Amino acid sequence: MPTVAVLDMAGKEVGKMDLSDAVFGIEPNKPAMHDVVVAHLANMRQGTQSALTRAEVSGGGKKPWRQKGTGHARQGSIRAPQWTHGGVVFAPKPRDYSITLNKKEKRLAMKSALSSKVKDNEIVIVDKIAVDSYRTKTVVEMLKAVGSCKKALIVTPQADEKVIVSANNIPGVKTAAVNTLNVYDILNADKFIVAKDAVARIEEVYA
C-alpha cells in the first residue's frame, strides 16, 4: 500500500495518507494508456475540414482552347488542379475521427496513469486546495511551495470556480474535478497535485 505525505498549501507536511493498492499501486499498463491517449486526441478533432474538388468548383465547363496547334499544353478545364482557382487534388472532406474504447480498458488506463504518478514520485497530496478570492498569486505560491515548476494538474473534489479562474492564466497549469479527470492530462503533467478529499473520491470511483 503506497504511503504519501500530505502537505498544506504552504508546502508543510501535515500528515501521511495510505493510498489504495487497487487504484494507485498497480503495475502501469503502457499499451492501455497509449490507446486511451490516442483515442482522447482523436476524439478532440472536429473533423470539419473541407475543400472543393475540381468537380465542385464553379466554372470551367468549356475547354479553354483547342487540343492541337496552339503551342500550349493541352487543357480540358480552367478548374483543373494546376490552375489558379482550380479544384484541390484529394480534397479533405468532413469525417469522424472518433475512436471507441471499452470501459474496462479505460478504467485500466486511468488506474495505470494514477499508479505511474505514485511510482515516479510525481503526486502531491494537499490537505485542502482552496482560495479566498480570485487571486492567481495564491495558486502560484502553492505551486512553488509543493515543488511544482513546470506543467501541473490541480485536482479538486468538485469544480471550484475560484481555483479554476485563479489558475487559468498560469502557463502549463490545468485544473480538473474528479469527474472530469482524464488519462491524457494526468500523463501530460509533471506534477499531479490533488486535494485529499479528491483522492478519497477517486478511490471510491475506481477501486
N, C-alpha and C. Protein backbone atom coordinates (compact mmCIF):
# COMPACT_ATOMS: atom_id res chain seq x y z
N MET A 1 0.84 -1.20 0.00
CA MET A 1 0.00 0.00 0.00
C MET A 1 0.88 1.25 0.00
N PRO A 2 0.82 2.08 -1.08
CA PRO A 2 1.66 3.28 -1.13
C PRO A 2 1.26 4.29 -0.05
N THR A 3 2.25 4.89 0.56
CA THR A 3 2.02 5.93 1.56
C THR A 3 2.65 7.22 1.07
N VAL A 4 1.85 8.29 1.06
CA VAL A 4 2.31 9.58 0.53
C VAL A 4 2.10 10.66 1.59
N ALA A 5 3.04 11.59 1.67
CA ALA A 5 2.93 12.69 2.62
C ALA A 5 1.80 13.63 2.19
N VAL A 6 1.11 14.17 3.18
CA VAL A 6 0.06 15.16 2.92
C VAL A 6 0.61 16.53 3.30
N LEU A 7 0.54 17.49 2.37
CA LEU A 7 1.06 18.83 2.61
C LEU A 7 -0.08 19.83 2.73
N ASP A 8 0.22 20.98 3.35
CA ASP A 8 -0.74 22.08 3.27
C ASP A 8 -0.33 22.97 2.09
N MET A 9 -1.07 24.03 1.84
CA MET A 9 -0.80 24.87 0.67
C MET A 9 0.51 25.64 0.80
N ALA A 10 1.08 25.66 2.02
CA ALA A 10 2.37 26.32 2.23
C ALA A 10 3.53 25.35 2.04
N GLY A 11 3.22 24.09 1.72
CA GLY A 11 4.26 23.09 1.49
C GLY A 11 4.73 22.36 2.73
N LYS A 12 4.06 22.61 3.86
CA LYS A 12 4.46 21.97 5.12
C LYS A 12 3.74 20.63 5.26
N GLU A 13 4.47 19.58 5.67
CA GLU A 13 3.87 18.26 5.84
C GLU A 13 2.96 18.25 7.07
N VAL A 14 1.73 17.81 6.87
CA VAL A 14 0.76 17.80 7.97
C VAL A 14 0.28 16.38 8.28
N GLY A 15 0.80 15.40 7.58
CA GLY A 15 0.39 14.02 7.86
C GLY A 15 0.80 13.08 6.75
N LYS A 16 0.29 11.85 6.84
CA LYS A 16 0.54 10.82 5.82
C LYS A 16 -0.79 10.26 5.36
N MET A 17 -0.80 9.71 4.16
CA MET A 17 -2.04 9.11 3.64
C MET A 17 -1.70 7.80 2.93
N ASP A 18 -2.42 6.74 3.32
CA ASP A 18 -2.27 5.44 2.65
C ASP A 18 -3.20 5.41 1.44
N LEU A 19 -2.64 5.07 0.31
CA LEU A 19 -3.41 5.03 -0.93
C LEU A 19 -3.81 3.59 -1.27
N SER A 20 -4.91 3.46 -1.95
CA SER A 20 -5.43 2.14 -2.32
C SER A 20 -4.51 1.46 -3.33
N ASP A 21 -4.16 0.21 -3.05
CA ASP A 21 -3.35 -0.58 -3.98
C ASP A 21 -4.08 -0.80 -5.31
N ALA A 22 -5.39 -0.91 -5.24
CA ALA A 22 -6.18 -1.21 -6.43
C ALA A 22 -6.22 -0.04 -7.42
N VAL A 23 -5.94 1.16 -6.93
CA VAL A 23 -6.01 2.35 -7.78
C VAL A 23 -4.63 2.98 -8.00
N PHE A 24 -3.86 3.09 -6.93
CA PHE A 24 -2.58 3.79 -7.01
C PHE A 24 -1.37 2.86 -6.93
N GLY A 25 -1.61 1.55 -6.84
CA GLY A 25 -0.48 0.64 -6.63
C GLY A 25 -0.36 -0.48 -7.64
N ILE A 26 -1.03 -0.35 -8.80
CA ILE A 26 -0.93 -1.42 -9.80
C ILE A 26 0.30 -1.19 -10.69
N GLU A 27 0.67 -2.23 -11.44
CA GLU A 27 1.76 -2.09 -12.41
C GLU A 27 1.18 -1.38 -13.64
N PRO A 28 1.69 -0.18 -13.98
CA PRO A 28 1.11 0.58 -15.10
C PRO A 28 1.11 -0.22 -16.41
N ASN A 29 -0.02 -0.20 -17.08
CA ASN A 29 -0.17 -0.90 -18.35
C ASN A 29 0.02 0.13 -19.49
N LYS A 30 1.21 0.13 -20.09
CA LYS A 30 1.53 1.15 -21.10
C LYS A 30 0.67 1.05 -22.37
N PRO A 31 0.41 -0.17 -22.90
CA PRO A 31 -0.45 -0.23 -24.10
C PRO A 31 -1.85 0.36 -23.86
N ALA A 32 -2.42 0.11 -22.68
CA ALA A 32 -3.75 0.65 -22.38
C ALA A 32 -3.71 2.18 -22.32
N MET A 33 -2.67 2.72 -21.66
CA MET A 33 -2.54 4.18 -21.57
C MET A 33 -2.35 4.79 -22.95
N HIS A 34 -1.55 4.11 -23.78
CA HIS A 34 -1.32 4.61 -25.14
C HIS A 34 -2.62 4.65 -25.94
N ASP A 35 -3.38 3.57 -25.86
CA ASP A 35 -4.65 3.50 -26.60
C ASP A 35 -5.61 4.61 -26.18
N VAL A 36 -5.69 4.86 -24.88
CA VAL A 36 -6.62 5.88 -24.37
C VAL A 36 -6.16 7.28 -24.76
N VAL A 37 -4.86 7.53 -24.73
CA VAL A 37 -4.35 8.85 -25.13
C VAL A 37 -4.60 9.10 -26.62
N VAL A 38 -4.35 8.09 -27.44
CA VAL A 38 -4.60 8.21 -28.88
C VAL A 38 -6.08 8.49 -29.13
N ALA A 39 -6.95 7.75 -28.43
CA ALA A 39 -8.40 7.95 -28.59
C ALA A 39 -8.82 9.34 -28.13
N HIS A 40 -8.25 9.80 -27.01
CA HIS A 40 -8.57 11.13 -26.47
C HIS A 40 -8.21 12.22 -27.48
N LEU A 41 -7.01 12.15 -28.05
CA LEU A 41 -6.58 13.17 -29.00
C LEU A 41 -7.38 13.09 -30.30
N ALA A 42 -7.72 11.87 -30.72
CA ALA A 42 -8.53 11.71 -31.93
C ALA A 42 -9.94 12.27 -31.72
N ASN A 43 -10.50 12.03 -30.54
CA ASN A 43 -11.86 12.49 -30.26
C ASN A 43 -11.95 14.00 -30.11
N MET A 44 -10.80 14.66 -29.89
CA MET A 44 -10.80 16.12 -29.80
C MET A 44 -10.84 16.77 -31.19
N ARG A 45 -10.55 16.00 -32.23
CA ARG A 45 -10.54 16.55 -33.58
C ARG A 45 -11.96 16.81 -34.05
N GLN A 46 -12.21 17.98 -34.61
CA GLN A 46 -13.55 18.32 -35.06
C GLN A 46 -13.91 17.61 -36.36
N GLY A 47 -12.92 17.43 -37.22
CA GLY A 47 -13.21 16.75 -38.49
C GLY A 47 -14.07 17.57 -39.43
N THR A 48 -14.00 18.91 -39.32
CA THR A 48 -14.86 19.76 -40.16
C THR A 48 -14.11 20.35 -41.36
N GLN A 49 -12.84 19.94 -41.56
CA GLN A 49 -12.08 20.50 -42.68
C GLN A 49 -12.73 20.10 -44.00
N SER A 50 -12.70 21.04 -44.96
CA SER A 50 -13.35 20.75 -46.23
C SER A 50 -12.76 21.64 -47.33
N ALA A 51 -12.58 21.08 -48.51
CA ALA A 51 -12.14 21.86 -49.67
C ALA A 51 -12.87 21.31 -50.90
N LEU A 52 -12.85 22.10 -51.98
CA LEU A 52 -13.59 21.73 -53.18
C LEU A 52 -12.70 20.98 -54.16
N THR A 53 -13.22 19.91 -54.71
CA THR A 53 -12.52 19.19 -55.78
C THR A 53 -12.82 19.88 -57.10
N ARG A 54 -12.19 19.43 -58.19
CA ARG A 54 -12.42 20.07 -59.50
C ARG A 54 -13.86 19.90 -59.96
N ALA A 55 -14.54 18.87 -59.43
CA ALA A 55 -15.93 18.65 -59.81
C ALA A 55 -16.86 19.63 -59.11
N GLU A 56 -16.38 20.23 -58.00
CA GLU A 56 -17.25 21.09 -57.20
C GLU A 56 -16.99 22.58 -57.38
N VAL A 57 -15.82 22.93 -57.96
CA VAL A 57 -15.51 24.35 -58.19
C VAL A 57 -16.38 24.88 -59.32
N SER A 58 -16.90 26.09 -59.16
CA SER A 58 -17.78 26.64 -60.20
C SER A 58 -16.96 27.06 -61.42
N GLY A 59 -17.54 26.92 -62.58
CA GLY A 59 -16.88 27.31 -63.83
C GLY A 59 -16.08 26.16 -64.42
N GLY A 60 -15.39 26.49 -65.52
CA GLY A 60 -14.50 25.50 -66.13
C GLY A 60 -15.19 24.48 -67.00
N GLY A 61 -16.41 24.74 -67.40
CA GLY A 61 -17.12 23.76 -68.22
C GLY A 61 -16.62 23.70 -69.65
N LYS A 62 -16.07 24.81 -70.13
CA LYS A 62 -15.65 24.90 -71.54
C LYS A 62 -14.15 24.60 -71.67
N LYS A 63 -13.79 23.90 -72.69
CA LYS A 63 -12.37 23.64 -72.97
C LYS A 63 -11.73 24.99 -73.35
N PRO A 64 -10.63 25.38 -72.66
CA PRO A 64 -10.10 26.74 -72.87
C PRO A 64 -9.55 27.01 -74.26
N TRP A 65 -8.98 26.05 -74.92
CA TRP A 65 -8.54 26.18 -76.32
C TRP A 65 -8.53 24.80 -76.97
N ARG A 66 -8.39 24.81 -78.27
CA ARG A 66 -8.47 23.53 -78.99
C ARG A 66 -7.29 22.64 -78.60
N GLN A 67 -7.45 21.35 -78.86
CA GLN A 67 -6.47 20.36 -78.39
C GLN A 67 -5.09 20.56 -79.03
N LYS A 68 -5.05 20.83 -80.31
CA LYS A 68 -3.76 20.87 -81.02
C LYS A 68 -3.56 22.19 -81.76
N GLY A 69 -2.30 22.48 -82.02
CA GLY A 69 -1.98 23.57 -82.93
C GLY A 69 -1.80 24.93 -82.30
N THR A 70 -1.96 25.06 -80.98
CA THR A 70 -1.84 26.39 -80.36
C THR A 70 -0.45 26.65 -79.79
N GLY A 71 0.33 25.60 -79.57
CA GLY A 71 1.62 25.77 -78.90
C GLY A 71 1.51 25.64 -77.39
N HIS A 72 0.30 25.69 -76.89
CA HIS A 72 0.07 25.50 -75.45
C HIS A 72 -0.04 24.02 -75.12
N ALA A 73 0.16 23.69 -73.86
CA ALA A 73 -0.14 22.33 -73.41
C ALA A 73 -1.64 22.11 -73.49
N ARG A 74 -2.03 20.87 -73.75
CA ARG A 74 -3.46 20.58 -73.86
C ARG A 74 -4.14 20.78 -72.51
N GLN A 75 -5.32 21.35 -72.49
CA GLN A 75 -6.09 21.61 -71.27
C GLN A 75 -7.55 21.27 -71.52
N GLY A 76 -8.19 20.72 -70.50
CA GLY A 76 -9.61 20.39 -70.66
C GLY A 76 -10.52 21.31 -69.86
N SER A 77 -9.93 22.01 -68.85
CA SER A 77 -10.76 22.86 -67.99
C SER A 77 -9.86 23.85 -67.27
N ILE A 78 -10.37 25.04 -67.06
CA ILE A 78 -9.59 26.03 -66.29
C ILE A 78 -9.77 25.83 -64.78
N ARG A 79 -10.48 24.78 -64.40
CA ARG A 79 -10.66 24.47 -62.97
C ARG A 79 -9.91 23.19 -62.58
N ALA A 80 -9.00 22.74 -63.45
CA ALA A 80 -8.13 21.61 -63.11
C ALA A 80 -7.18 22.05 -61.99
N PRO A 81 -6.64 21.12 -61.18
CA PRO A 81 -5.85 21.47 -60.00
C PRO A 81 -4.64 22.37 -60.27
N GLN A 82 -4.03 22.29 -61.47
CA GLN A 82 -2.84 23.10 -61.72
C GLN A 82 -3.16 24.56 -62.04
N TRP A 83 -4.44 24.88 -62.21
CA TRP A 83 -4.84 26.26 -62.49
C TRP A 83 -5.12 27.01 -61.20
N THR A 84 -4.86 28.33 -61.24
CA THR A 84 -5.30 29.21 -60.14
C THR A 84 -6.82 29.15 -60.07
N HIS A 85 -7.32 29.04 -58.87
CA HIS A 85 -8.77 28.89 -58.61
C HIS A 85 -9.30 27.53 -59.04
N GLY A 86 -8.38 26.60 -59.33
CA GLY A 86 -8.81 25.26 -59.68
C GLY A 86 -9.17 24.45 -58.44
N GLY A 87 -9.67 23.24 -58.65
CA GLY A 87 -10.05 22.37 -57.53
C GLY A 87 -8.82 21.81 -56.83
N VAL A 88 -9.02 21.24 -55.64
CA VAL A 88 -7.93 20.65 -54.84
C VAL A 88 -7.85 19.16 -55.12
N VAL A 89 -6.62 18.68 -55.32
CA VAL A 89 -6.43 17.24 -55.53
C VAL A 89 -6.66 16.51 -54.21
N PHE A 90 -7.42 15.45 -54.20
CA PHE A 90 -7.73 14.68 -52.99
C PHE A 90 -8.17 15.61 -51.85
N ALA A 91 -9.13 16.47 -52.14
CA ALA A 91 -9.58 17.48 -51.18
C ALA A 91 -10.08 16.85 -49.89
N PRO A 92 -9.69 17.41 -48.73
CA PRO A 92 -10.21 16.88 -47.46
C PRO A 92 -11.71 17.13 -47.34
N LYS A 93 -12.39 16.19 -46.76
CA LYS A 93 -13.84 16.30 -46.57
C LYS A 93 -14.18 16.01 -45.11
N PRO A 94 -15.29 16.53 -44.61
CA PRO A 94 -15.67 16.26 -43.21
C PRO A 94 -15.73 14.77 -42.92
N ARG A 95 -15.15 14.38 -41.78
CA ARG A 95 -15.16 12.97 -41.38
C ARG A 95 -15.12 12.87 -39.86
N ASP A 96 -15.45 11.70 -39.39
CA ASP A 96 -15.48 11.45 -37.94
C ASP A 96 -14.20 10.71 -37.55
N TYR A 97 -13.40 11.32 -36.67
CA TYR A 97 -12.13 10.72 -36.25
C TYR A 97 -12.27 9.91 -34.95
N SER A 98 -13.46 9.90 -34.37
CA SER A 98 -13.61 9.35 -33.02
C SER A 98 -13.26 7.86 -32.95
N ILE A 99 -12.68 7.49 -31.82
CA ILE A 99 -12.30 6.10 -31.54
C ILE A 99 -13.04 5.66 -30.29
N THR A 100 -13.65 4.49 -30.33
CA THR A 100 -14.39 3.98 -29.19
C THR A 100 -13.57 2.89 -28.48
N LEU A 101 -13.47 3.03 -27.18
CA LEU A 101 -12.77 2.01 -26.37
C LEU A 101 -13.74 1.44 -25.36
N ASN A 102 -13.47 0.20 -24.92
CA ASN A 102 -14.38 -0.38 -23.93
C ASN A 102 -14.06 0.16 -22.53
N LYS A 103 -15.05 0.04 -21.66
CA LYS A 103 -14.96 0.62 -20.32
C LYS A 103 -13.82 0.01 -19.50
N LYS A 104 -13.58 -1.30 -19.67
CA LYS A 104 -12.53 -1.98 -18.92
C LYS A 104 -11.15 -1.40 -19.22
N GLU A 105 -10.91 -1.15 -20.52
CA GLU A 105 -9.60 -0.62 -20.91
C GLU A 105 -9.42 0.81 -20.40
N LYS A 106 -10.49 1.59 -20.42
CA LYS A 106 -10.40 2.98 -19.94
C LYS A 106 -10.13 3.02 -18.44
N ARG A 107 -10.77 2.13 -17.70
CA ARG A 107 -10.53 2.07 -16.24
C ARG A 107 -9.10 1.62 -15.95
N LEU A 108 -8.62 0.64 -16.71
CA LEU A 108 -7.25 0.15 -16.52
C LEU A 108 -6.24 1.27 -16.81
N ALA A 109 -6.50 2.03 -17.88
CA ALA A 109 -5.60 3.12 -18.25
C ALA A 109 -5.59 4.20 -17.18
N MET A 110 -6.75 4.52 -16.62
CA MET A 110 -6.83 5.54 -15.57
C MET A 110 -6.04 5.09 -14.34
N LYS A 111 -6.26 3.85 -13.91
CA LYS A 111 -5.53 3.34 -12.74
C LYS A 111 -4.03 3.24 -13.01
N SER A 112 -3.66 2.92 -14.25
CA SER A 112 -2.25 2.86 -14.62
C SER A 112 -1.60 4.24 -14.57
N ALA A 113 -2.34 5.25 -15.06
CA ALA A 113 -1.82 6.62 -15.05
C ALA A 113 -1.63 7.12 -13.61
N LEU A 114 -2.62 6.84 -12.75
CA LEU A 114 -2.52 7.27 -11.34
C LEU A 114 -1.37 6.54 -10.65
N SER A 115 -1.23 5.25 -10.93
CA SER A 115 -0.16 4.47 -10.31
C SER A 115 1.22 4.93 -10.79
N SER A 116 1.30 5.33 -12.06
CA SER A 116 2.59 5.79 -12.59
C SER A 116 3.03 7.08 -11.92
N LYS A 117 2.08 7.92 -11.54
CA LYS A 117 2.42 9.17 -10.85
C LYS A 117 2.98 8.88 -9.46
N VAL A 118 2.40 7.87 -8.79
CA VAL A 118 2.90 7.48 -7.46
C VAL A 118 4.29 6.85 -7.62
N LYS A 119 4.42 5.98 -8.61
CA LYS A 119 5.68 5.27 -8.84
C LYS A 119 6.83 6.23 -9.15
N ASP A 120 6.52 7.31 -9.88
CA ASP A 120 7.55 8.28 -10.29
C ASP A 120 7.67 9.46 -9.33
N ASN A 121 6.99 9.36 -8.16
CA ASN A 121 7.01 10.44 -7.16
C ASN A 121 6.57 11.79 -7.74
N GLU A 122 5.55 11.74 -8.59
CA GLU A 122 5.03 12.97 -9.21
C GLU A 122 3.66 13.34 -8.66
N ILE A 123 3.24 12.69 -7.59
CA ILE A 123 1.95 13.02 -6.98
C ILE A 123 2.18 13.86 -5.72
N VAL A 124 1.37 14.89 -5.56
CA VAL A 124 1.42 15.75 -4.37
C VAL A 124 0.00 15.81 -3.81
N ILE A 125 -0.16 15.37 -2.56
CA ILE A 125 -1.48 15.43 -1.93
C ILE A 125 -1.51 16.64 -1.00
N VAL A 126 -2.50 17.49 -1.20
CA VAL A 126 -2.66 18.70 -0.39
C VAL A 126 -3.91 18.52 0.46
N ASP A 127 -3.80 18.87 1.75
CA ASP A 127 -4.95 18.62 2.65
C ASP A 127 -6.21 19.35 2.19
N LYS A 128 -6.04 20.58 1.66
CA LYS A 128 -7.20 21.31 1.14
C LYS A 128 -6.72 22.34 0.13
N ILE A 129 -7.31 22.30 -1.06
CA ILE A 129 -6.98 23.29 -2.09
C ILE A 129 -8.15 24.27 -2.19
N ALA A 130 -7.91 25.48 -1.72
CA ALA A 130 -8.97 26.49 -1.73
C ALA A 130 -8.34 27.87 -1.75
N VAL A 131 -8.99 28.81 -2.41
CA VAL A 131 -8.55 30.21 -2.40
C VAL A 131 -9.72 31.08 -1.97
N ASP A 132 -9.40 32.14 -1.22
CA ASP A 132 -10.46 33.01 -0.68
C ASP A 132 -11.08 33.90 -1.75
N SER A 133 -10.26 34.27 -2.74
CA SER A 133 -10.76 35.16 -3.79
C SER A 133 -10.10 34.77 -5.10
N TYR A 134 -10.49 35.44 -6.18
CA TYR A 134 -9.89 35.17 -7.49
C TYR A 134 -8.49 35.78 -7.51
N ARG A 135 -7.51 34.97 -7.15
CA ARG A 135 -6.16 35.50 -6.97
C ARG A 135 -5.12 34.50 -7.47
N THR A 136 -4.50 34.83 -8.59
CA THR A 136 -3.51 33.95 -9.21
C THR A 136 -2.29 33.75 -8.30
N LYS A 137 -1.92 34.81 -7.58
CA LYS A 137 -0.72 34.76 -6.75
C LYS A 137 -0.80 33.63 -5.72
N THR A 138 -1.99 33.38 -5.18
CA THR A 138 -2.17 32.32 -4.18
C THR A 138 -1.83 30.95 -4.76
N VAL A 139 -2.28 30.70 -5.99
CA VAL A 139 -2.01 29.41 -6.64
C VAL A 139 -0.53 29.31 -7.01
N VAL A 140 0.06 30.39 -7.49
CA VAL A 140 1.49 30.39 -7.84
C VAL A 140 2.33 30.06 -6.61
N GLU A 141 2.00 30.67 -5.48
CA GLU A 141 2.74 30.41 -4.23
C GLU A 141 2.59 28.95 -3.80
N MET A 142 1.39 28.38 -3.96
CA MET A 142 1.17 26.98 -3.61
C MET A 142 2.02 26.06 -4.49
N LEU A 143 2.05 26.36 -5.79
CA LEU A 143 2.83 25.54 -6.72
C LEU A 143 4.32 25.57 -6.36
N LYS A 144 4.82 26.74 -6.02
CA LYS A 144 6.23 26.85 -5.61
C LYS A 144 6.48 26.07 -4.32
N ALA A 145 5.54 26.18 -3.38
CA ALA A 145 5.70 25.54 -2.07
C ALA A 145 5.74 24.01 -2.17
N VAL A 146 4.97 23.46 -3.12
CA VAL A 146 4.92 21.99 -3.24
C VAL A 146 5.93 21.47 -4.26
N GLY A 147 6.73 22.36 -4.82
CA GLY A 147 7.82 21.94 -5.70
C GLY A 147 7.43 21.72 -7.14
N SER A 148 6.41 22.42 -7.60
CA SER A 148 5.99 22.30 -8.99
C SER A 148 6.47 23.52 -9.76
N CYS A 149 7.35 23.30 -10.75
CA CYS A 149 7.88 24.44 -11.50
C CYS A 149 7.57 24.36 -12.99
N LYS A 150 6.97 23.24 -13.44
CA LYS A 150 6.65 23.12 -14.86
C LYS A 150 5.15 22.90 -15.03
N LYS A 151 4.80 21.85 -15.78
CA LYS A 151 3.38 21.56 -16.02
C LYS A 151 2.76 20.88 -14.80
N ALA A 152 1.60 21.35 -14.40
CA ALA A 152 0.94 20.78 -13.22
C ALA A 152 -0.55 20.61 -13.49
N LEU A 153 -1.12 19.57 -12.90
CA LEU A 153 -2.56 19.34 -12.95
C LEU A 153 -3.08 19.41 -11.52
N ILE A 154 -3.98 20.36 -11.27
CA ILE A 154 -4.56 20.55 -9.94
C ILE A 154 -5.95 19.92 -9.93
N VAL A 155 -6.16 18.98 -9.02
CA VAL A 155 -7.44 18.25 -8.98
C VAL A 155 -8.17 18.54 -7.68
N THR A 156 -9.42 18.96 -7.81
CA THR A 156 -10.28 19.24 -6.65
C THR A 156 -11.46 18.25 -6.66
N PRO A 157 -12.11 18.04 -5.49
CA PRO A 157 -13.23 17.07 -5.45
C PRO A 157 -14.35 17.41 -6.43
N GLN A 158 -14.71 18.69 -6.47
CA GLN A 158 -15.67 19.16 -7.47
C GLN A 158 -15.18 20.48 -8.04
N ALA A 159 -15.78 20.92 -9.12
CA ALA A 159 -15.33 22.15 -9.78
C ALA A 159 -15.38 23.33 -8.81
N ASP A 160 -14.26 23.99 -8.63
CA ASP A 160 -14.15 25.16 -7.76
C ASP A 160 -13.82 26.36 -8.64
N GLU A 161 -14.78 27.24 -8.85
CA GLU A 161 -14.62 28.35 -9.80
C GLU A 161 -13.44 29.25 -9.43
N LYS A 162 -13.26 29.51 -8.13
CA LYS A 162 -12.17 30.40 -7.72
C LYS A 162 -10.80 29.80 -8.03
N VAL A 163 -10.67 28.48 -7.81
CA VAL A 163 -9.41 27.80 -8.12
C VAL A 163 -9.19 27.78 -9.63
N ILE A 164 -10.24 27.49 -10.38
CA ILE A 164 -10.14 27.42 -11.85
C ILE A 164 -9.70 28.76 -12.43
N VAL A 165 -10.38 29.84 -12.01
CA VAL A 165 -10.06 31.17 -12.54
C VAL A 165 -8.68 31.63 -12.08
N SER A 166 -8.33 31.33 -10.83
CA SER A 166 -7.03 31.76 -10.30
C SER A 166 -5.87 31.07 -11.01
N ALA A 167 -6.09 29.82 -11.47
CA ALA A 167 -5.02 29.06 -12.13
C ALA A 167 -5.06 29.18 -13.65
N ASN A 168 -6.10 29.84 -14.14
CA ASN A 168 -6.39 29.83 -15.57
C ASN A 168 -5.29 30.42 -16.45
N ASN A 169 -4.62 31.49 -15.96
CA ASN A 169 -3.64 32.15 -16.82
C ASN A 169 -2.20 31.84 -16.42
N ILE A 170 -2.00 30.74 -15.68
CA ILE A 170 -0.64 30.30 -15.35
C ILE A 170 -0.20 29.31 -16.43
N PRO A 171 0.88 29.61 -17.16
CA PRO A 171 1.31 28.71 -18.24
C PRO A 171 1.61 27.30 -17.73
N GLY A 172 1.06 26.32 -18.43
CA GLY A 172 1.35 24.91 -18.10
C GLY A 172 0.52 24.33 -16.98
N VAL A 173 -0.38 25.13 -16.40
CA VAL A 173 -1.19 24.64 -15.27
C VAL A 173 -2.63 24.41 -15.72
N LYS A 174 -3.15 23.23 -15.41
CA LYS A 174 -4.54 22.91 -15.71
C LYS A 174 -5.25 22.51 -14.43
N THR A 175 -6.55 22.67 -14.41
CA THR A 175 -7.35 22.25 -13.26
C THR A 175 -8.40 21.24 -13.73
N ALA A 176 -8.81 20.38 -12.81
CA ALA A 176 -9.84 19.38 -13.13
C ALA A 176 -10.55 18.98 -11.86
N ALA A 177 -11.81 18.61 -11.99
CA ALA A 177 -12.55 18.00 -10.89
C ALA A 177 -12.44 16.48 -11.09
N VAL A 178 -12.78 15.72 -10.07
CA VAL A 178 -12.65 14.25 -10.16
C VAL A 178 -13.46 13.71 -11.34
N ASN A 179 -14.64 14.28 -11.57
CA ASN A 179 -15.50 13.75 -12.64
C ASN A 179 -15.07 14.19 -14.04
N THR A 180 -14.06 15.07 -14.15
CA THR A 180 -13.57 15.48 -15.48
C THR A 180 -12.12 15.02 -15.72
N LEU A 181 -11.62 14.19 -14.82
CA LEU A 181 -10.24 13.72 -14.90
C LEU A 181 -10.07 12.82 -16.12
N ASN A 182 -8.95 12.97 -16.82
CA ASN A 182 -8.69 12.07 -17.94
C ASN A 182 -7.21 11.67 -17.97
N VAL A 183 -6.93 10.56 -18.62
CA VAL A 183 -5.59 9.96 -18.64
C VAL A 183 -4.57 10.90 -19.29
N TYR A 184 -4.97 11.54 -20.38
CA TYR A 184 -4.04 12.42 -21.11
C TYR A 184 -3.52 13.54 -20.21
N ASP A 185 -4.42 14.22 -19.50
CA ASP A 185 -4.00 15.34 -18.64
C ASP A 185 -3.10 14.86 -17.51
N ILE A 186 -3.40 13.67 -16.96
CA ILE A 186 -2.58 13.13 -15.87
C ILE A 186 -1.16 12.86 -16.36
N LEU A 187 -1.04 12.17 -17.50
CA LEU A 187 0.28 11.82 -18.02
C LEU A 187 1.04 13.04 -18.54
N ASN A 188 0.31 14.04 -19.01
CA ASN A 188 0.94 15.23 -19.59
C ASN A 188 1.50 16.17 -18.52
N ALA A 189 1.07 15.99 -17.27
CA ALA A 189 1.51 16.87 -16.19
C ALA A 189 2.78 16.34 -15.53
N ASP A 190 3.68 17.26 -15.18
CA ASP A 190 4.89 16.87 -14.45
C ASP A 190 4.58 16.66 -12.97
N LYS A 191 3.57 17.37 -12.47
CA LYS A 191 3.14 17.20 -11.08
C LYS A 191 1.63 17.02 -11.03
N PHE A 192 1.20 15.98 -10.34
CA PHE A 192 -0.22 15.69 -10.17
C PHE A 192 -0.59 16.13 -8.76
N ILE A 193 -1.17 17.32 -8.66
CA ILE A 193 -1.47 17.92 -7.35
C ILE A 193 -2.95 17.71 -7.06
N VAL A 194 -3.23 16.93 -6.03
CA VAL A 194 -4.61 16.51 -5.78
C VAL A 194 -5.01 16.78 -4.34
N ALA A 195 -6.21 17.28 -4.15
CA ALA A 195 -6.72 17.52 -2.81
C ALA A 195 -7.01 16.19 -2.12
N LYS A 196 -6.86 16.17 -0.80
CA LYS A 196 -7.06 14.94 -0.03
C LYS A 196 -8.47 14.38 -0.23
N ASP A 197 -9.47 15.24 -0.22
CA ASP A 197 -10.85 14.79 -0.44
C ASP A 197 -11.03 14.21 -1.84
N ALA A 198 -10.30 14.76 -2.82
CA ALA A 198 -10.40 14.25 -4.19
C ALA A 198 -9.82 12.85 -4.30
N VAL A 199 -8.76 12.57 -3.52
CA VAL A 199 -8.16 11.22 -3.52
C VAL A 199 -9.20 10.20 -3.07
N ALA A 200 -9.93 10.54 -2.02
CA ALA A 200 -10.95 9.64 -1.50
C ALA A 200 -12.03 9.38 -2.55
N ARG A 201 -12.41 10.40 -3.30
CA ARG A 201 -13.44 10.24 -4.33
C ARG A 201 -12.92 9.42 -5.51
N ILE A 202 -11.63 9.60 -5.86
CA ILE A 202 -11.04 8.81 -6.95
C ILE A 202 -11.04 7.33 -6.56
N GLU A 203 -10.64 7.05 -5.32
CA GLU A 203 -10.62 5.66 -4.85
C GLU A 203 -12.01 5.07 -4.81
N GLU A 204 -12.99 5.89 -4.46
CA GLU A 204 -14.38 5.43 -4.40
C GLU A 204 -14.89 5.03 -5.79
N VAL A 205 -14.45 5.78 -6.81
CA VAL A 205 -14.91 5.51 -8.18
C VAL A 205 -14.18 4.34 -8.82
N TYR A 206 -12.84 4.27 -8.62
CA TYR A 206 -12.04 3.31 -9.38
C TYR A 206 -11.59 2.07 -8.60
N ALA A 207 -11.79 2.06 -7.29
CA ALA A 207 -11.32 0.89 -6.51
C ALA A 207 -12.14 -0.35 -6.85
